[in-house]
Structures are given as structure tokens and as C-alpha cells.
Amino acid sequence: MSLKGVELQIAIPKTFDAGKIAEHHQHNVLQNQMNANEALKKELERKQLTVNDTEPTEKINKDGNNNSGNNQETSDEEKKKKESKEATHPFKGHLFDYSG
């Protein structure tokens, strides 16, 4: 493909314009990446300085005293009741076969 003088008069200035546009675009991309990086750093710093979760507090009894030993005993009793409910079967062991 050969270019004539008239075509070169149009093509050469357009290549300079295209180069400037490409350079401007590349500069914008780099600037956007730097801005995103700074925003990420700020977000990480903010997350590091804030409290994520609080420790669960113990429940207070109706009388206002907090007896952790008493709570432990009641929770053990509740667990035993729950296990006994789970252990009973609706129909196994209720009927006896006396024929035999």
C-alpha cells in the first residue's frame, strides 16, 4: 500500500493527534488506578481502627444477681431434658408382644 503526497498530508497530523489521545488516555488510567489504591488504603485503615464485634454479655437473673454457677446448673438440666426428649421414640418400646 503506497501513499501519495496528498494522503500523507492528512495522515501524518492525524497520527500525532492519535498519539496525544492515546497518551492522555493512558495518563487517565494510571490516575484512576492511583485513586483506587488510595481509597483502598483509607478503607483498610478505617476497618483496622473500628471495632468489628463485641463480646457477648452474660444474662442477668430476675433478682439482679448474676450467678454463673446457678446458670450452669440450669443449663445442664435443660440439656438433660432435651436429650431425654430426643432419645424417646414415638412407638418403639411401647408395645410388648406376650404371645410366644
PDB file of N, CA and C in Angstrom:
ATOM      1  N   MET A   1       0.844  -1.153   0.000  1.00  0.00           N
ATOM      2  CA  MET A   1       0.000   0.000   0.000  1.00  0.00           C
ATOM      3  C   MET A   1       0.901   1.232   0.000  1.00  0.00           C
ATOM      4  N   SER A   2       0.823   1.951  -1.042  1.00  0.00           N
ATOM      5  CA  SER A   2       1.656   3.145  -1.155  1.00  0.00           C
ATOM      6  C   SER A   2       0.789   4.379  -0.945  1.00  0.00           C
ATOM      7  N   LEU A   3       1.341   5.354  -0.264  1.00  0.00           N
ATOM      8  CA  LEU A   3       0.612   6.583  -0.001  1.00  0.00           C
ATOM      9  C   LEU A   3       1.163   7.694  -0.888  1.00  0.00           C
ATOM     10  N   LYS A   4       0.281   8.505  -1.349  1.00  0.00           N
ATOM     11  CA  LYS A   4       0.681   9.628  -2.188  1.00  0.00           C
ATOM     12  C   LYS A   4       0.901  10.851  -1.289  1.00  0.00           C
ATOM     13  N   GLY A   5       1.467  11.884  -1.847  1.00  0.00           N
ATOM     14  CA  GLY A   5       1.781  13.092  -1.098  1.00  0.00           C
ATOM     15  C   GLY A   5       0.567  13.717  -0.450  1.00  0.00           C
ATOM     16  N   VAL A   6      -0.557  13.723  -1.158  1.00  0.00           N
ATOM     17  CA  VAL A   6      -1.772  14.333  -0.623  1.00  0.00           C
ATOM     18  C   VAL A   6      -2.286  13.516   0.561  1.00  0.00           C
ATOM     19  N   GLU A   7      -2.201  12.212   0.472  1.00  0.00           N
ATOM     20  CA  GLU A   7      -2.652  11.365   1.563  1.00  0.00           C
ATOM     21  C   GLU A   7      -1.750  11.525   2.780  1.00  0.00           C
ATOM     22  N   LEU A   8      -0.462  11.712   2.561  1.00  0.00           N
ATOM     23  CA  LEU A   8       0.459  11.894   3.676  1.00  0.00           C
ATOM     24  C   LEU A   8       0.199  13.212   4.406  1.00  0.00           C
ATOM     25  N   GLN A   9      -0.258  14.221   3.663  1.00  0.00           N
ATOM     26  CA  GLN A   9      -0.545  15.500   4.293  1.00  0.00           C
ATOM     27  C   GLN A   9      -1.681  15.369   5.314  1.00  0.00           C
ATOM     28  N   ILE A  10      -2.580  14.433   5.094  1.00  0.00           N
ATOM     29  CA  ILE A  10      -3.700  14.219   6.007  1.00  0.00           C
ATOM     30  C   ILE A  10      -3.335  13.192   7.081  1.00  0.00           C
ATOM     31  N   ALA A  11      -2.602  12.147   6.718  1.00  0.00           N
ATOM     32  CA  ALA A  11      -2.319  11.035   7.612  1.00  0.00           C
ATOM     33  C   ALA A  11      -1.345  11.410   8.724  1.00  0.00           C
ATOM     34  N   ILE A  12      -0.307  12.163   8.421  1.00  0.00           N
ATOM     35  CA  ILE A  12       0.716  12.462   9.424  1.00  0.00           C
ATOM     36  C   ILE A  12       0.165  13.304  10.568  1.00  0.00           C
ATOM     37  N   PRO A  13      -0.569  14.395  10.351  1.00  0.00           N
ATOM     38  CA  PRO A  13      -1.110  15.126  11.507  1.00  0.00           C
ATOM     39  C   PRO A  13      -2.089  14.293  12.336  1.00  0.00           C
ATOM     40  N   LYS A  14      -2.811  13.398  11.693  1.00  0.00           N
ATOM     41  CA  LYS A  14      -3.767  12.580  12.443  1.00  0.00           C
ATOM     42  C   LYS A  14      -3.038  11.579  13.334  1.00  0.00           C
ATOM     43  N   THR A  15      -1.874  11.101  12.947  1.00  0.00           N
ATOM     44  CA  THR A  15      -1.120  10.183  13.799  1.00  0.00           C
ATOM     45  C   THR A  15      -0.640  10.899  15.055  1.00  0.00           C
ATOM     46  N   PHE A  16      -0.249  12.174  14.905  1.00  0.00           N
ATOM     47  CA  PHE A  16       0.145  12.942  16.088  1.00  0.00           C
ATOM     48  C   PHE A  16      -1.043  13.121  17.033  1.00  0.00           C
ATOM     49  N   ASP A  17      -2.204  13.421  16.468  1.00  0.00           N
ATOM     50  CA  ASP A  17      -3.402  13.578  17.297  1.00  0.00           C
ATOM     51  C   ASP A  17      -3.765  12.261  17.983  1.00  0.00           C
ATOM     52  N   ALA A  18      -3.660  11.169  17.254  1.00  0.00           N
ATOM     53  CA  ALA A  18      -3.974   9.856  17.830  1.00  0.00           C
ATOM     54  C   ALA A  18      -2.986   9.525  18.945  1.00  0.00           C
ATOM     55  N   GLY A  19      -1.735   9.865  18.757  1.00  0.00           N
ATOM     56  CA  GLY A  19      -0.727   9.631  19.803  1.00  0.00           C
ATOM     57  C   GLY A  19      -1.020  10.433  21.053  1.00  0.00           C
ATOM     58  N   LYS A  20      -1.423  11.699  20.872  1.00  0.00           N
ATOM     59  CA  LYS A  20      -1.758  12.534  22.030  1.00  0.00           C
ATOM     60  C   LYS A  20      -2.968  11.982  22.770  1.00  0.00           C
ATOM     61  N   ILE A  21      -3.950  11.532  22.003  1.00  0.00           N
ATOM     62  CA  ILE A  21      -5.159  10.966  22.625  1.00  0.00           C
ATOM     63  C   ILE A  21      -4.813   9.691  23.395  1.00  0.00           C
ATOM     64  N   ALA A  22      -3.968   8.837  22.822  1.00  0.00           N
ATOM     65  CA  ALA A  22      -3.575   7.598  23.492  1.00  0.00           C
ATOM     66  C   ALA A  22      -2.792   7.902  24.770  1.00  0.00           C
ATOM     67  N   GLU A  23      -1.899   8.879  24.728  1.00  0.00           N
ATOM     68  CA  GLU A  23      -1.122   9.254  25.909  1.00  0.00           C
ATOM     69  C   GLU A  23      -2.039   9.811  27.001  1.00  0.00           C
ATOM     70  N   HIS A  24      -2.985  10.643  26.600  1.00  0.00           N
ATOM     71  CA  HIS A  24      -3.942  11.215  27.554  1.00  0.00           C
ATOM     72  C   HIS A  24      -4.776  10.110  28.200  1.00  0.00           C
ATOM     73  N   HIS A  25      -5.209   9.148  27.396  1.00  0.00           N
ATOM     74  CA  HIS A  25      -5.995   8.024  27.908  1.00  0.00           C
ATOM     75  C   HIS A  25      -5.173   7.206  28.902  1.00  0.00           C
ATOM     76  N   GLN A  26      -3.914   6.928  28.566  1.00  0.00           N
ATOM     77  CA  GLN A  26      -3.047   6.151  29.447  1.00  0.00           C
ATOM     78  C   GLN A  26      -2.819   6.896  30.767  1.00  0.00           C
ATOM     79  N   HIS A  27      -2.644   8.205  30.702  1.00  0.00           N
ATOM     80  CA  HIS A  27      -2.458   9.008  31.910  1.00  0.00           C
ATOM     81  C   HIS A  27      -3.709   8.938  32.801  1.00  0.00           C
ATOM     82  N   ASN A  28      -4.885   8.985  32.191  1.00  0.00           N
ATOM     83  CA  ASN A  28      -6.135   8.890  32.951  1.00  0.00           C
ATOM     84  C   ASN A  28      -6.272   7.530  33.637  1.00  0.00           C
ATOM     85  N   VAL A  29      -5.863   6.468  32.936  1.00  0.00           N
ATOM     86  CA  VAL A  29      -5.947   5.126  33.510  1.00  0.00           C
ATOM     87  C   VAL A  29      -5.025   5.027  34.722  1.00  0.00           C
ATOM     88  N   LEU A  30      -3.814   5.531  34.611  1.00  0.00           N
ATOM     89  CA  LEU A  30      -2.882   5.495  35.738  1.00  0.00           C
ATOM     90  C   LEU A  30      -3.399   6.321  36.907  1.00  0.00           C
ATOM     91  N   GLN A  31      -3.973   7.476  36.612  1.00  0.00           N
ATOM     92  CA  GLN A  31      -4.524   8.332  37.667  1.00  0.00           C
ATOM     93  C   GLN A  31      -5.685   7.630  38.375  1.00  0.00           C
ATOM     94  N   ASN A  32      -6.533   6.951  37.624  1.00  0.00           N
ATOM     95  CA  ASN A  32      -7.654   6.207  38.221  1.00  0.00           C
ATOM     96  C   ASN A  32      -7.153   5.078  39.114  1.00  0.00           C
ATOM     97  N   GLN A  33      -6.095   4.391  38.688  1.00  0.00           N
ATOM     98  CA  GLN A  33      -5.539   3.305  39.492  1.00  0.00           C
ATOM     99  C   GLN A  33      -4.953   3.842  40.795  1.00  0.00           C
ATOM    100  N   MET A  34      -4.282   4.978  40.720  1.00  0.00           N
ATOM    101  CA  MET A  34      -3.709   5.569  41.927  1.00  0.00           C
ATOM    102  C   MET A  34      -4.813   6.010  42.890  1.00  0.00           C
ATOM    103  N   ASN A  35      -5.889   6.575  42.354  1.00  0.00           N
ATOM    104  CA  ASN A  35      -7.015   6.988  43.203  1.00  0.00           C
ATOM    105  C   ASN A  35      -7.672   5.788  43.871  1.00  0.00           C
ATOM    106  N   ALA A  36      -7.825   4.710  43.114  1.00  0.00           N
ATOM    107  CA  ALA A  36      -8.425   3.494  43.669  1.00  0.00           C
ATOM    108  C   ALA A  36      -7.528   2.904  44.754  1.00  0.00           C
ATOM    109  N   ASN A  37      -6.225   2.958  44.551  1.00  0.00           N
ATOM    110  CA  ASN A  37      -5.280   2.448  45.534  1.00  0.00           C
ATOM    111  C   ASN A  37      -5.353   3.263  46.828  1.00  0.00           C
ATOM    112  N   GLU A  38      -5.425   4.566  46.717  1.00  0.00           N
ATOM    113  CA  GLU A  38      -5.539   5.428  47.890  1.00  0.00           C
ATOM    114  C   GLU A  38      -6.857   5.171  48.636  1.00  0.00           C
ATOM    115  N   ALA A  39      -7.931   4.995  47.895  1.00  0.00           N
ATOM    116  CA  ALA A  39      -9.224   4.716  48.522  1.00  0.00           C
ATOM    117  C   ALA A  39      -9.181   3.379  49.262  1.00  0.00           C
ATOM    118  N   LEU A  40      -8.518   2.392  48.687  1.00  0.00           N
ATOM    119  CA  LEU A  40      -8.393   1.089  49.328  1.00  0.00           C
ATOM    120  C   LEU A  40      -7.582   1.198  50.613  1.00  0.00           C
ATOM    121  N   LYS A  41      -6.504   1.974  50.578  1.00  0.00           N
ATOM    122  CA  LYS A  41      -5.693   2.160  51.786  1.00  0.00           C
ATOM    123  C   LYS A  41      -6.499   2.831  52.887  1.00  0.00           C
ATOM    124  N   LYS A  42      -7.266   3.845  52.541  1.00  0.00           N
ATOM    125  CA  LYS A  42      -8.091   4.528  53.528  1.00  0.00           C
ATOM    126  C   LYS A  42      -9.142   3.589  54.110  1.00  0.00           C
ATOM    127  N   GLU A  43      -9.744   2.771  53.270  1.00  0.00           N
ATOM    128  CA  GLU A  43     -10.766   1.822  53.726  1.00  0.00           C
ATOM    129  C   GLU A  43     -10.150   0.788  54.676  1.00  0.00           C
ATOM    130  N   LEU A  44      -8.966   0.276  54.335  1.00  0.00           N
ATOM    131  CA  LEU A  44      -8.306  -0.693  55.206  1.00  0.00           C
ATOM    132  C   LEU A  44      -7.943  -0.060  56.551  1.00  0.00           C
ATOM    133  N   GLU A  45      -7.460   1.162  56.528  1.00  0.00           N
ATOM    134  CA  GLU A  45      -7.116   1.849  57.770  1.00  0.00           C
ATOM    135  C   GLU A  45      -8.364   2.085  58.623  1.00  0.00           C
ATOM    136  N   ARG A  46      -9.468   2.449  57.984  1.00  0.00           N
ATOM    137  CA  ARG A  46     -10.709   2.663  58.712  1.00  0.00           C
ATOM    138  C   ARG A  46     -11.186   1.364  59.346  1.00  0.00           C
ATOM    139  N   LYS A  47     -11.083   0.261  58.612  1.00  0.00           N
ATOM    140  CA  LYS A  47     -11.522  -1.027  59.145  1.00  0.00           C
ATOM    141  C   LYS A  47     -10.642  -1.479  60.303  1.00  0.00           C
ATOM    142  N   GLN A  48      -9.342  -1.158  60.241  1.00  0.00           N
ATOM    143  CA  GLN A  48      -8.449  -1.558  61.318  1.00  0.00           C
ATOM    144  C   GLN A  48      -8.721  -0.776  62.597  1.00  0.00           C
ATOM    145  N   LEU A  49      -9.210   0.431  62.479  1.00  0.00           N
ATOM    146  CA  LEU A  49      -9.414   1.272  63.648  1.00  0.00           C
ATOM    147  C   LEU A  49     -10.800   1.117  64.275  1.00  0.00           C
ATOM    148  N   THR A  50     -11.732   0.479  63.585  1.00  0.00           N
ATOM    149  CA  THR A  50     -13.073   0.319  64.134  1.00  0.00           C
ATOM    150  C   THR A  50     -13.215  -1.030  64.818  1.00  0.00           C
ATOM    151  N   VAL A  51     -14.157  -1.108  65.746  1.00  0.00           N
ATOM    152  CA  VAL A  51     -14.441  -2.350  66.451  1.00  0.00           C
ATOM    153  C   VAL A  51     -15.422  -3.147  65.608  1.00  0.00           C
ATOM    154  N   ASN A  52     -15.066  -4.384  65.314  1.00  0.00           N
ATOM    155  CA  ASN A  52     -15.912  -5.216  64.464  1.00  0.00           C
ATOM    156  C   ASN A  52     -17.044  -5.879  65.232  1.00  0.00           C
ATOM    157  N   ASP A  53     -16.742  -6.411  66.412  1.00  0.00           N
ATOM    158  CA  ASP A  53     -17.742  -7.180  67.135  1.00  0.00           C
ATOM    159  C   ASP A  53     -17.514  -6.996  68.622  1.00  0.00           C
ATOM    160  N   THR A  54     -18.550  -7.121  69.398  1.00  0.00           N
ATOM    161  CA  THR A  54     -18.430  -7.000  70.844  1.00  0.00           C
ATOM    162  C   THR A  54     -18.559  -8.371  71.476  1.00  0.00           C
ATOM    163  N   GLU A  55     -18.032  -8.488  72.664  1.00  0.00           N
ATOM    164  CA  GLU A  55     -18.120  -9.741  73.392  1.00  0.00           C
ATOM    165  C   GLU A  55     -19.551  -9.928  73.893  1.00  0.00           C
ATOM    166  N   PRO A  56     -20.078 -11.141  73.846  1.00  0.00           N
ATOM    167  CA  PRO A  56     -21.433 -11.353  74.366  1.00  0.00           C
ATOM    168  C   PRO A  56     -21.441 -11.210  75.887  1.00  0.00           C
ATOM    169  N   THR A  57     -22.468 -10.611  76.406  1.00  0.00           N
ATOM    170  CA  THR A  57     -22.580 -10.432  77.851  1.00  0.00           C
ATOM    171  C   THR A  57     -23.443 -11.536  78.440  1.00  0.00           C
ATOM    172  N   GLU A  58     -23.219 -11.797  79.710  1.00  0.00           N
ATOM    173  CA  GLU A  58     -23.993 -12.842  80.377  1.00  0.00           C
ATOM    174  C   GLU A  58     -25.362 -12.308  80.752  1.00  0.00           C
ATOM    175  N   LYS A  59     -26.333 -13.188  80.759  1.00  0.00           N
ATOM    176  CA  LYS A  59     -27.692 -12.791  81.126  1.00  0.00           C
ATOM    177  C   LYS A  59     -27.779 -12.567  82.629  1.00  0.00           C
ATOM    178  N   ILE A  60     -28.588 -11.612  83.023  1.00  0.00           N
ATOM    179  CA  ILE A  60     -28.788 -11.300  84.427  1.00  0.00           C
ATOM    180  C   ILE A  60     -30.097 -11.938  84.879  1.00  0.00           C
ATOM    181  N   ASN A  61     -30.049 -12.559  86.047  1.00  0.00           N
ATOM    182  CA  ASN A  61     -31.245 -13.206  86.595  1.00  0.00           C
ATOM    183  C   ASN A  61     -32.295 -12.175  86.956  1.00  0.00           C
ATOM    184  N   LYS A  62     -33.505 -12.634  87.230  1.00  0.00           N
ATOM    185  CA  LYS A  62     -34.605 -11.733  87.572  1.00  0.00           C
ATOM    186  C   LYS A  62     -34.324 -10.953  88.857  1.00  0.00           C
ATOM    187  N   ASP A  63     -33.667 -11.597  89.828  1.00  0.00           N
ATOM    188  CA  ASP A  63     -33.401 -10.905  91.090  1.00  0.00           C
ATOM    189  C   ASP A  63     -32.230  -9.940  90.988  1.00  0.00           C
ATOM    190  N   GLY A  64     -31.550  -9.879  89.858  1.00  0.00           N
ATOM    191  CA  GLY A  64     -30.472  -8.922  89.661  1.00  0.00           C
ATOM    192  C   GLY A  64     -29.096  -9.499  89.946  1.00  0.00           C
ATOM    193  N   ASN A  65     -29.034 -10.674  90.538  1.00  0.00           N
ATOM    194  CA  ASN A  65     -27.738 -11.302  90.805  1.00  0.00           C
ATOM    195  C   ASN A  65     -27.324 -12.120  89.607  1.00  0.00           C
ATOM    196  N   ASN A  66     -26.058 -12.120  89.364  1.00  0.00           N
ATOM    197  CA  ASN A  66     -25.534 -12.892  88.237  1.00  0.00           C
ATOM    198  C   ASN A  66     -24.775 -14.077  88.801  1.00  0.00           C
ATOM    199  N   ASN A  67     -25.437 -15.209  88.911  1.00  0.00           N
ATOM    200  CA  ASN A  67     -24.817 -16.415  89.437  1.00  0.00           C
ATOM    201  C   ASN A  67     -24.473 -17.323  88.265  1.00  0.00           C
ATOM    202  N   SER A  68     -23.231 -17.295  87.882  1.00  0.00           N
ATOM    203  CA  SER A  68     -22.846 -18.105  86.728  1.00  0.00           C
ATOM    204  C   SER A  68     -22.921 -19.586  87.060  1.00  0.00           C
ATOM    205  N   GLY A  69     -22.652 -19.967  88.331  1.00  0.00           N
ATOM    206  CA  GLY A  69     -22.766 -21.367  88.719  1.00  0.00           C
ATOM    207  C   GLY A  69     -24.190 -21.849  88.640  1.00  0.00           C
ATOM    208  N   ASN A  70     -25.119 -21.024  89.081  1.00  0.00           N
ATOM    209  CA  ASN A  70     -26.536 -21.366  89.048  1.00  0.00           C
ATOM    210  C   ASN A  70     -27.010 -21.482  87.602  1.00  0.00           C
ATOM    211  N   ASN A  71     -26.555 -20.575  86.753  1.00  0.00           N
ATOM    212  CA  ASN A  71     -26.916 -20.630  85.330  1.00  0.00           C
ATOM    213  C   ASN A  71     -26.387 -21.898  84.687  1.00  0.00           C
ATOM    214  N   GLN A  72     -25.196 -22.317  85.135  1.00  0.00           N
ATOM    215  CA  GLN A  72     -24.600 -23.531  84.573  1.00  0.00           C
ATOM    216  C   GLN A  72     -25.438 -24.745  84.945  1.00  0.00           C
ATOM    217  N   GLU A  73     -25.915 -24.779  86.199  1.00  0.00           N
ATOM    218  CA  GLU A  73     -26.726 -25.912  86.633  1.00  0.00           C
ATOM    219  C   GLU A  73     -28.033 -25.974  85.857  1.00  0.00           C
ATOM    220  N   THR A  74     -28.681 -24.839  85.664  1.00  0.00           N
ATOM    221  CA  THR A  74     -29.943 -24.852  84.934  1.00  0.00           C
ATOM    222  C   THR A  74     -29.722 -25.224  83.472  1.00  0.00           C
ATOM    223  N   SER A  75     -28.620 -24.787  82.910  1.00  0.00           N
ATOM    224  CA  SER A  75     -28.374 -25.144  81.512  1.00  0.00           C
ATOM    225  C   SER A  75     -28.084 -26.633  81.389  1.00  0.00           C
ATOM    226  N   ASP A  76     -27.417 -27.227  82.400  1.00  0.00           N
ATOM    227  CA  ASP A  76     -27.172 -28.671  82.377  1.00  0.00           C
ATOM    228  C   ASP A  76     -28.489 -29.437  82.468  1.00  0.00           C
ATOM    229  N   GLU A  77     -29.392 -28.956  83.331  1.00  0.00           N
ATOM    230  CA  GLU A  77     -30.692 -29.613  83.458  1.00  0.00           C
ATOM    231  C   GLU A  77     -31.482 -29.514  82.156  1.00  0.00           C
ATOM    232  N   GLU A  78     -31.420 -28.349  81.532  1.00  0.00           N
ATOM    233  CA  GLU A  78     -32.124 -28.175  80.259  1.00  0.00           C
ATOM    234  C   GLU A  78     -31.553 -29.104  79.194  1.00  0.00           C
ATOM    235  N   LYS A  79     -30.238 -29.272  79.190  1.00  0.00           N
ATOM    236  CA  LYS A  79     -29.611 -30.174  78.215  1.00  0.00           C
ATOM    237  C   LYS A  79     -30.063 -31.613  78.444  1.00  0.00           C
ATOM    238  N   LYS A  80     -30.124 -32.029  79.727  1.00  0.00           N
ATOM    239  CA  LYS A  80     -30.551 -33.391  80.032  1.00  0.00           C
ATOM    240  C   LYS A  80     -31.991 -33.626  79.601  1.00  0.00           C
ATOM    241  N   LYS A  81     -32.873 -32.647  79.861  1.00  0.00           N
ATOM    242  CA  LYS A  81     -34.266 -32.773  79.445  1.00  0.00           C
ATOM    243  C   LYS A  81     -34.374 -32.858  77.929  1.00  0.00           C
ATOM    244  N   LYS A  82     -33.602 -32.043  77.265  1.00  0.00           N
ATOM    245  CA  LYS A  82     -33.640 -32.034  75.811  1.00  0.00           C
ATOM    246  C   LYS A  82     -33.141 -33.359  75.248  1.00  0.00           C
ATOM    247  N   GLU A  83     -32.054 -33.900  75.843  1.00  0.00           N
ATOM    248  CA  GLU A  83     -31.529 -35.183  75.385  1.00  0.00           C
ATOM    249  C   GLU A  83     -32.528 -36.297  75.631  1.00  0.00           C
ATOM    250  N   SER A  84     -33.235 -36.259  76.766  1.00  0.00           N
ATOM    251  CA  SER A  84     -34.200 -37.314  77.051  1.00  0.00           C
ATOM    252  C   SER A  84     -35.381 -37.229  76.084  1.00  0.00           C
ATOM    253  N   LYS A  85     -35.772 -36.007  75.703  1.00  0.00           N
ATOM    254  CA  LYS A  85     -36.837 -35.868  74.714  1.00  0.00           C
ATOM    255  C   LYS A  85     -36.389 -36.408  73.361  1.00  0.00           C
ATOM    256  N   GLU A  86     -35.160 -36.139  73.008  1.00  0.00           N
ATOM    257  CA  GLU A  86     -34.659 -36.615  71.727  1.00  0.00           C
ATOM    258  C   GLU A  86     -34.489 -38.124  71.732  1.00  0.00           C
ATOM    259  N   ALA A  87     -34.213 -38.713  72.909  1.00  0.00           N
ATOM    260  CA  ALA A  87     -33.947 -40.142  72.990  1.00  0.00           C
ATOM    261  C   ALA A  87     -35.220 -40.972  72.899  1.00  0.00           C
ATOM    262  N   THR A  88     -36.354 -40.442  73.296  1.00  0.00           N
ATOM    263  CA  THR A  88     -37.593 -41.222  73.253  1.00  0.00           C
ATOM    264  C   THR A  88     -38.083 -41.339  71.820  1.00  0.00           C
ATOM    265  N   HIS A  89     -38.496 -42.545  71.480  1.00  0.00           N
ATOM    266  CA  HIS A  89     -39.001 -42.824  70.143  1.00  0.00           C
ATOM    267  C   HIS A  89     -40.521 -42.873  70.227  1.00  0.00           C
ATOM    268  N   PRO A  90     -41.240 -42.413  69.188  1.00  0.00           N
ATOM    269  CA  PRO A  90     -42.697 -42.324  69.295  1.00  0.00           C
ATOM    270  C   PRO A  90     -43.410 -43.661  69.459  1.00  0.00           C
ATOM    271  N   PHE A  91     -42.893 -44.762  68.897  1.00  0.00           N
ATOM    272  CA  PHE A  91     -43.625 -46.015  69.034  1.00  0.00           C
ATOM    273  C   PHE A  91     -42.737 -47.195  69.415  1.00  0.00           C
ATOM    274  N   LYS A  92     -41.464 -47.122  69.351  1.00  0.00           N
ATOM    275  CA  LYS A  92     -40.605 -48.244  69.739  1.00  0.00           C
ATOM    276  C   LYS A  92     -40.580 -48.373  71.250  1.00  0.00           C
ATOM    277  N   GLY A  93     -40.754 -49.602  71.735  1.00  0.00           N
ATOM    278  CA  GLY A  93     -40.674 -49.870  73.159  1.00  0.00           C
ATOM    279  C   GLY A  93     -41.954 -49.656  73.928  1.00  0.00           C
ATOM    280  N   HIS A  94     -43.047 -49.293  73.269  1.00  0.00           N
ATOM    281  CA  HIS A  94     -44.306 -49.057  73.974  1.00  0.00           C
ATOM    282  C   HIS A  94     -45.221 -50.277  73.978  1.00  0.00           C
ATOM    283  N   LEU A  95     -45.073 -51.143  73.026  1.00  0.00           N
ATOM    284  CA  LEU A  95     -45.918 -52.327  72.946  1.00  0.00           C
ATOM    285  C   LEU A  95     -45.082 -53.566  73.197  1.00  0.00           C
ATOM    286  N   PHE A  96     -45.624 -54.471  74.009  1.00  0.00           N
ATOM    287  CA  PHE A  96     -44.932 -55.718  74.297  1.00  0.00           C
ATOM    288  C   PHE A  96     -45.692 -56.866  73.665  1.00  0.00           C
ATOM    289  N   ASP A  97     -45.005 -57.789  73.063  1.00  0.00           N
ATOM    290  CA  ASP A  97     -45.612 -58.943  72.441  1.00  0.00           C
ATOM    291  C   ASP A  97     -45.491 -60.112  73.420  1.00  0.00           C
ATOM    292  N   TYR A  98     -46.625 -60.497  74.065  1.00  0.00           N
ATOM    293  CA  TYR A  98     -46.636 -61.562  75.053  1.00  0.00           C
ATOM    294  C   TYR A  98     -46.883 -62.927  74.440  1.00  0.00           C
ATOM    295  N   SER A  99     -47.260 -62.958  73.171  1.00  0.00           N
ATOM    296  CA  SER A  99     -47.504 -64.257  72.548  1.00  0.00           C
ATOM    297  C   SER A  99     -46.152 -64.918  72.255  1.00  0.00           C
ATOM    298  N   GLY A 100     -46.087 -66.175  72.386  1.00  0.00           N
ATOM    299  CA  GLY A 100     -44.803 -66.715  72.056  1.00  0.00           C
ATOM    300  C   GLY A 100     -44.630 -68.065  72.438  1.00  0.00           C
TER     301      GLY A 100
END
